N, C-alpha and C. Protein backbone atom coordinates (compact mmCIF):
# COMPACT_ATOMS: atom_id res chain seq x y z
N ASP A 1 -21.81 -107.04 19.10
CA ASP A 1 -20.58 -106.29 19.41
C ASP A 1 -20.85 -104.84 19.47
N ARG A 2 -21.82 -104.31 18.76
CA ARG A 2 -22.15 -102.88 18.80
C ARG A 2 -22.92 -102.49 20.00
N ALA A 3 -23.46 -103.49 20.72
CA ALA A 3 -24.24 -103.13 21.92
C ALA A 3 -23.34 -102.87 23.12
N GLY A 4 -22.10 -102.80 23.02
CA GLY A 4 -21.28 -102.54 24.09
C GLY A 4 -20.12 -103.45 24.41
N ASN A 5 -20.14 -104.65 23.73
CA ASN A 5 -19.15 -105.65 23.93
C ASN A 5 -17.99 -105.43 22.99
N ILE A 6 -16.97 -104.87 23.51
CA ILE A 6 -15.89 -104.50 22.58
C ILE A 6 -14.64 -105.49 22.83
N SER A 7 -14.91 -106.53 23.68
CA SER A 7 -13.69 -107.51 24.04
C SER A 7 -13.29 -108.27 22.78
N ASN A 8 -14.22 -108.56 21.80
CA ASN A 8 -13.79 -109.38 20.72
C ASN A 8 -13.02 -108.47 19.70
N THR A 9 -13.19 -107.22 19.69
CA THR A 9 -12.40 -106.27 18.84
C THR A 9 -10.90 -106.37 19.32
N PHE A 10 -10.71 -106.28 20.50
CA PHE A 10 -9.38 -106.36 21.05
C PHE A 10 -8.75 -107.79 21.04
N ALA A 11 -9.52 -108.71 21.28
CA ALA A 11 -9.00 -110.17 21.25
C ALA A 11 -8.60 -110.52 19.89
N SER A 12 -9.29 -110.08 18.78
CA SER A 12 -8.99 -110.42 17.46
C SER A 12 -7.90 -109.57 16.83
N SER A 13 -7.41 -108.58 17.55
CA SER A 13 -6.31 -107.75 16.99
C SER A 13 -5.06 -108.47 16.70
N ASN A 14 -4.36 -108.11 15.65
CA ASN A 14 -3.16 -108.84 15.33
C ASN A 14 -1.89 -108.14 15.83
N TRP A 15 -2.09 -107.11 16.69
CA TRP A 15 -0.83 -106.34 17.16
C TRP A 15 -0.90 -106.26 18.64
N LYS A 16 0.31 -106.14 19.15
CA LYS A 16 0.41 -105.93 20.65
C LYS A 16 1.29 -104.70 20.82
N LEU A 17 1.04 -103.89 21.78
CA LEU A 17 1.84 -102.76 22.07
C LEU A 17 2.40 -102.89 23.46
N ASP A 18 3.60 -103.06 23.58
CA ASP A 18 4.37 -103.10 24.95
C ASP A 18 4.86 -101.72 25.21
N LEU A 19 4.14 -100.89 25.97
CA LEU A 19 4.43 -99.56 26.20
C LEU A 19 5.76 -99.42 27.05
N SER A 20 5.98 -100.51 27.88
CA SER A 20 7.10 -100.40 28.78
C SER A 20 8.49 -100.37 28.05
N LYS A 21 8.49 -100.81 26.78
CA LYS A 21 9.64 -100.81 25.94
C LYS A 21 9.93 -99.39 25.40
N HIS A 22 8.96 -98.44 25.44
CA HIS A 22 9.17 -97.19 24.86
C HIS A 22 8.86 -96.00 25.79
N PHE A 23 7.89 -96.18 26.67
CA PHE A 23 7.44 -95.12 27.57
C PHE A 23 7.53 -95.53 29.06
N GLN A 24 7.64 -94.52 29.82
CA GLN A 24 7.67 -94.70 31.28
C GLN A 24 6.30 -94.18 31.84
N LYS A 25 5.66 -93.37 31.05
CA LYS A 25 4.34 -92.83 31.58
C LYS A 25 3.48 -92.50 30.29
N ILE A 26 2.16 -92.63 30.33
CA ILE A 26 1.30 -92.31 29.24
C ILE A 26 0.26 -91.37 29.83
N ALA A 27 -0.06 -90.33 29.16
CA ALA A 27 -1.22 -89.39 29.52
C ALA A 27 -2.11 -89.25 28.34
N VAL A 28 -3.41 -89.34 28.70
CA VAL A 28 -4.45 -89.46 27.64
C VAL A 28 -5.37 -88.20 27.78
N GLY A 29 -5.52 -87.56 26.64
CA GLY A 29 -6.51 -86.47 26.52
C GLY A 29 -7.82 -86.91 25.80
N GLY A 30 -8.57 -85.93 25.36
CA GLY A 30 -9.87 -86.23 24.74
C GLY A 30 -9.64 -86.95 23.39
N GLN A 31 -8.76 -86.48 22.52
CA GLN A 31 -8.58 -87.16 21.30
C GLN A 31 -7.22 -87.37 20.92
N HIS A 32 -6.35 -87.32 21.97
CA HIS A 32 -4.81 -87.52 21.78
C HIS A 32 -4.22 -88.15 23.01
N ALA A 33 -2.98 -88.52 22.86
CA ALA A 33 -2.36 -89.20 23.99
C ALA A 33 -0.83 -88.85 23.84
N CYS A 34 -0.12 -88.91 24.96
CA CYS A 34 1.31 -88.58 24.84
C CYS A 34 2.07 -89.55 25.80
N GLY A 35 3.31 -89.88 25.48
CA GLY A 35 4.11 -90.70 26.23
C GLY A 35 5.43 -90.06 26.54
N LEU A 36 5.79 -90.20 27.91
CA LEU A 36 7.10 -89.82 28.30
C LEU A 36 7.99 -90.89 28.04
N THR A 37 8.99 -90.76 27.14
CA THR A 37 9.86 -91.81 26.70
C THR A 37 10.87 -92.12 27.82
N LEU A 38 11.52 -93.29 27.73
CA LEU A 38 12.46 -93.70 28.69
C LEU A 38 13.70 -92.81 28.65
N LYS A 39 13.88 -92.02 27.60
CA LYS A 39 15.06 -91.00 27.55
C LYS A 39 14.70 -89.63 27.91
N GLY A 40 13.40 -89.48 28.38
CA GLY A 40 13.02 -88.16 28.88
C GLY A 40 12.51 -87.10 27.85
N SER A 41 12.07 -87.66 26.71
CA SER A 41 11.44 -86.76 25.70
C SER A 41 9.97 -87.16 25.71
N VAL A 42 9.20 -86.37 24.89
CA VAL A 42 7.74 -86.60 24.84
C VAL A 42 7.29 -86.78 23.45
N LYS A 43 6.52 -87.93 23.17
CA LYS A 43 5.98 -88.24 21.87
C LYS A 43 4.46 -88.27 22.08
N CYS A 44 3.72 -87.73 21.09
CA CYS A 44 2.31 -87.69 21.10
C CYS A 44 1.69 -88.17 19.89
N TRP A 45 0.36 -88.66 19.88
CA TRP A 45 -0.30 -89.03 18.70
C TRP A 45 -1.73 -88.63 18.92
N GLY A 46 -2.52 -88.57 17.80
CA GLY A 46 -3.90 -88.16 17.84
C GLY A 46 -3.99 -86.74 17.37
N ASN A 47 -5.06 -86.03 17.75
CA ASN A 47 -5.26 -84.66 17.39
C ASN A 47 -5.72 -83.77 18.55
N ASP A 48 -4.97 -82.78 18.77
CA ASP A 48 -5.27 -81.97 19.92
C ASP A 48 -5.90 -80.60 19.42
N GLY A 49 -6.47 -80.64 18.22
CA GLY A 49 -6.98 -79.46 17.61
C GLY A 49 -5.92 -78.84 16.71
N GLY A 50 -4.81 -79.49 16.51
CA GLY A 50 -3.77 -78.95 15.68
C GLY A 50 -2.82 -78.02 16.40
N ILE A 51 -2.92 -77.90 17.78
CA ILE A 51 -2.14 -77.05 18.50
C ILE A 51 -0.69 -77.46 18.60
N LEU A 52 -0.57 -78.72 19.10
CA LEU A 52 0.79 -79.38 19.20
C LEU A 52 0.89 -80.62 18.34
N ILE A 53 -0.24 -81.31 18.19
CA ILE A 53 -0.17 -82.65 17.45
C ILE A 53 -1.38 -82.97 16.64
N ASN A 54 -1.01 -83.59 15.53
CA ASN A 54 -2.11 -84.10 14.53
C ASN A 54 -1.34 -85.24 13.73
N SER A 55 -1.24 -86.43 14.53
CA SER A 55 -0.45 -87.50 13.87
C SER A 55 -1.10 -88.71 14.36
N SER A 56 -1.13 -89.76 13.39
CA SER A 56 -1.66 -91.08 13.78
C SER A 56 -0.54 -91.97 14.34
N THR A 57 0.68 -91.53 14.41
CA THR A 57 1.74 -92.27 14.96
C THR A 57 2.49 -91.34 15.99
N PRO A 58 3.21 -91.92 16.95
CA PRO A 58 3.83 -91.03 17.92
C PRO A 58 4.90 -90.18 17.28
N ALA A 59 4.74 -88.96 17.60
CA ALA A 59 5.67 -87.89 17.02
C ALA A 59 6.34 -87.03 18.16
N LEU A 60 7.62 -86.84 18.10
CA LEU A 60 8.34 -85.99 18.91
C LEU A 60 7.75 -84.56 19.05
N ILE A 61 7.54 -84.19 20.27
CA ILE A 61 6.92 -82.75 20.49
C ILE A 61 8.01 -81.76 20.64
N SER A 62 7.91 -80.69 19.78
CA SER A 62 8.94 -79.61 19.92
C SER A 62 8.90 -78.97 21.22
N GLY A 63 10.10 -78.67 21.74
CA GLY A 63 10.18 -78.11 23.12
C GLY A 63 10.16 -79.19 24.27
N ALA A 64 10.00 -80.42 23.96
CA ALA A 64 9.93 -81.52 24.88
C ALA A 64 10.86 -82.62 24.39
N GLU A 65 12.01 -82.24 23.91
CA GLU A 65 12.89 -83.31 23.37
C GLU A 65 13.69 -83.89 24.36
N SER A 66 13.88 -83.27 25.53
CA SER A 66 14.81 -83.86 26.60
C SER A 66 14.52 -83.18 27.94
N GLY A 67 15.03 -83.82 28.91
CA GLY A 67 14.89 -83.28 30.33
C GLY A 67 13.44 -83.28 30.92
N VAL A 68 12.49 -84.05 30.33
CA VAL A 68 11.18 -84.17 30.81
C VAL A 68 11.05 -85.22 31.85
N THR A 69 10.50 -84.98 33.02
CA THR A 69 10.31 -86.02 34.03
C THR A 69 8.83 -86.33 34.30
N ASP A 70 7.94 -85.49 33.90
CA ASP A 70 6.49 -85.74 34.11
C ASP A 70 5.67 -85.01 32.98
N ILE A 71 4.39 -85.65 32.75
CA ILE A 71 3.57 -85.03 31.70
C ILE A 71 2.11 -85.10 32.22
N ALA A 72 1.31 -84.22 31.69
CA ALA A 72 -0.14 -84.30 32.05
C ALA A 72 -0.80 -83.61 30.82
N LEU A 73 -2.04 -84.24 30.56
CA LEU A 73 -2.98 -83.62 29.48
C LEU A 73 -4.32 -83.37 30.07
N THR A 74 -5.12 -82.46 29.50
CA THR A 74 -6.46 -82.30 29.85
C THR A 74 -7.33 -83.11 28.96
N MET A 75 -8.51 -83.51 29.46
CA MET A 75 -9.47 -84.28 28.59
C MET A 75 -10.13 -83.39 27.67
N SER A 76 -10.34 -82.08 27.88
CA SER A 76 -10.87 -81.16 26.99
C SER A 76 -10.10 -79.94 27.03
N GLY A 77 -10.13 -79.04 26.12
CA GLY A 77 -9.43 -77.80 26.13
C GLY A 77 -7.98 -77.91 25.57
N ASN A 78 -7.51 -79.09 25.32
CA ASN A 78 -6.19 -79.22 24.61
C ASN A 78 -4.95 -78.50 25.30
N THR A 79 -4.91 -78.63 26.66
CA THR A 79 -3.79 -78.12 27.40
C THR A 79 -2.87 -79.23 27.85
N PHE A 80 -1.65 -79.00 27.61
CA PHE A 80 -0.54 -80.00 27.92
C PHE A 80 0.56 -79.42 28.80
N CYS A 81 0.91 -80.11 29.85
CA CYS A 81 1.94 -79.59 30.70
C CYS A 81 2.92 -80.66 30.97
N ILE A 82 4.24 -80.21 31.19
CA ILE A 82 5.32 -81.02 31.48
C ILE A 82 6.15 -80.50 32.65
N ILE A 83 6.93 -81.34 33.19
CA ILE A 83 7.95 -80.91 34.18
C ILE A 83 9.24 -81.11 33.41
N GLN A 84 9.99 -80.10 33.13
CA GLN A 84 11.23 -80.13 32.33
C GLN A 84 12.35 -79.48 33.07
N ASN A 85 13.41 -80.15 33.36
CA ASN A 85 14.56 -79.62 34.13
C ASN A 85 14.06 -78.94 35.41
N GLY A 86 13.11 -79.54 36.09
CA GLY A 86 12.60 -79.05 37.37
C GLY A 86 11.54 -77.92 37.29
N ALA A 87 11.22 -77.46 36.12
CA ALA A 87 10.33 -76.34 35.93
C ALA A 87 8.99 -76.90 35.24
N ALA A 88 7.85 -76.31 35.79
CA ALA A 88 6.56 -76.61 35.20
C ALA A 88 6.33 -75.76 33.97
N LYS A 89 5.97 -76.41 32.87
CA LYS A 89 5.71 -75.70 31.58
C LYS A 89 4.47 -76.22 30.95
N CYS A 90 3.65 -75.37 30.36
CA CYS A 90 2.49 -75.80 29.67
C CYS A 90 2.34 -75.11 28.30
N ALA A 91 1.57 -75.75 27.39
CA ALA A 91 1.31 -75.20 26.06
C ALA A 91 -0.12 -75.66 25.69
N GLY A 92 -0.68 -75.06 24.69
CA GLY A 92 -1.96 -75.40 24.18
C GLY A 92 -3.04 -74.24 24.42
N SER A 93 -4.27 -74.67 24.62
CA SER A 93 -5.36 -73.69 24.82
C SER A 93 -5.13 -73.00 26.10
N ASN A 94 -5.53 -71.74 26.12
CA ASN A 94 -5.36 -70.86 27.32
C ASN A 94 -6.50 -69.85 27.55
N THR A 95 -7.64 -70.26 27.09
CA THR A 95 -8.74 -69.43 27.22
C THR A 95 -9.16 -68.84 28.66
N TYR A 96 -8.86 -69.77 29.46
CA TYR A 96 -9.17 -69.44 30.87
C TYR A 96 -7.95 -69.25 31.83
N GLY A 97 -6.80 -69.07 31.15
CA GLY A 97 -5.53 -68.95 31.84
C GLY A 97 -4.95 -70.18 32.32
N GLN A 98 -5.36 -71.34 31.77
CA GLN A 98 -4.87 -72.63 32.31
C GLN A 98 -3.47 -72.99 31.99
N LEU A 99 -2.71 -72.19 31.29
CA LEU A 99 -1.34 -72.35 31.00
C LEU A 99 -0.51 -71.85 32.25
N GLY A 100 -1.09 -70.87 33.03
CA GLY A 100 -0.46 -70.47 34.19
C GLY A 100 0.67 -69.51 33.88
N ASP A 101 0.61 -68.82 32.71
CA ASP A 101 1.64 -67.91 32.32
C ASP A 101 1.34 -66.46 32.49
N GLY A 102 0.04 -66.19 33.16
CA GLY A 102 -0.41 -64.88 33.39
C GLY A 102 -1.20 -64.31 32.18
N THR A 103 -1.42 -65.00 31.10
CA THR A 103 -2.17 -64.56 29.89
C THR A 103 -3.38 -65.37 29.67
N ASN A 104 -4.10 -65.07 28.62
CA ASN A 104 -5.23 -65.87 28.15
C ASN A 104 -5.04 -66.15 26.73
N VAL A 105 -3.69 -66.18 26.23
CA VAL A 105 -3.31 -66.39 24.85
C VAL A 105 -2.85 -67.85 24.73
N ASP A 106 -3.45 -68.60 23.71
CA ASP A 106 -3.06 -69.96 23.38
C ASP A 106 -1.62 -69.98 22.92
N SER A 107 -0.87 -71.01 23.24
CA SER A 107 0.52 -71.18 22.88
C SER A 107 0.91 -72.52 22.17
N THR A 108 1.65 -72.44 21.06
CA THR A 108 2.05 -73.63 20.45
C THR A 108 3.46 -74.02 21.05
N THR A 109 3.96 -73.20 21.92
CA THR A 109 5.28 -73.61 22.55
C THR A 109 5.05 -73.58 24.01
N PHE A 110 5.89 -74.31 24.76
CA PHE A 110 5.83 -74.44 26.18
C PHE A 110 6.18 -73.09 26.90
N LYS A 111 5.28 -72.68 27.77
CA LYS A 111 5.56 -71.51 28.53
C LYS A 111 5.75 -71.89 30.02
N GLN A 112 6.68 -71.28 30.75
CA GLN A 112 6.96 -71.66 32.11
C GLN A 112 5.79 -71.11 32.97
N VAL A 113 5.27 -71.96 33.90
CA VAL A 113 4.31 -71.51 34.77
C VAL A 113 4.81 -70.60 35.74
N ILE A 114 4.20 -69.46 35.97
CA ILE A 114 4.63 -68.42 36.89
C ILE A 114 4.09 -68.56 38.31
């Protein structure tokens, strides 16, 4: 199994996760994932370097509690973007200006893309 065959690991699992009962979309980053709930909020799990999330279970993300219609994560750099009430907003790492707010300052809150 350690040589690359992981099918037995999943086949012997005692749990099933039906994402369609909770989420309309899932976005996956390097070490974290987020789901857009059926009610338009965002819940994330994993660790994005502690910027927005460090949780082993889905946790509601501050600033993304309602009105969200789309989500996206980066595989590295811990940047997270949403479409909320028709506006693009991003949070997380901003070393290269990837938040689109005209700065290079990391943000733990969502900033509207300018």
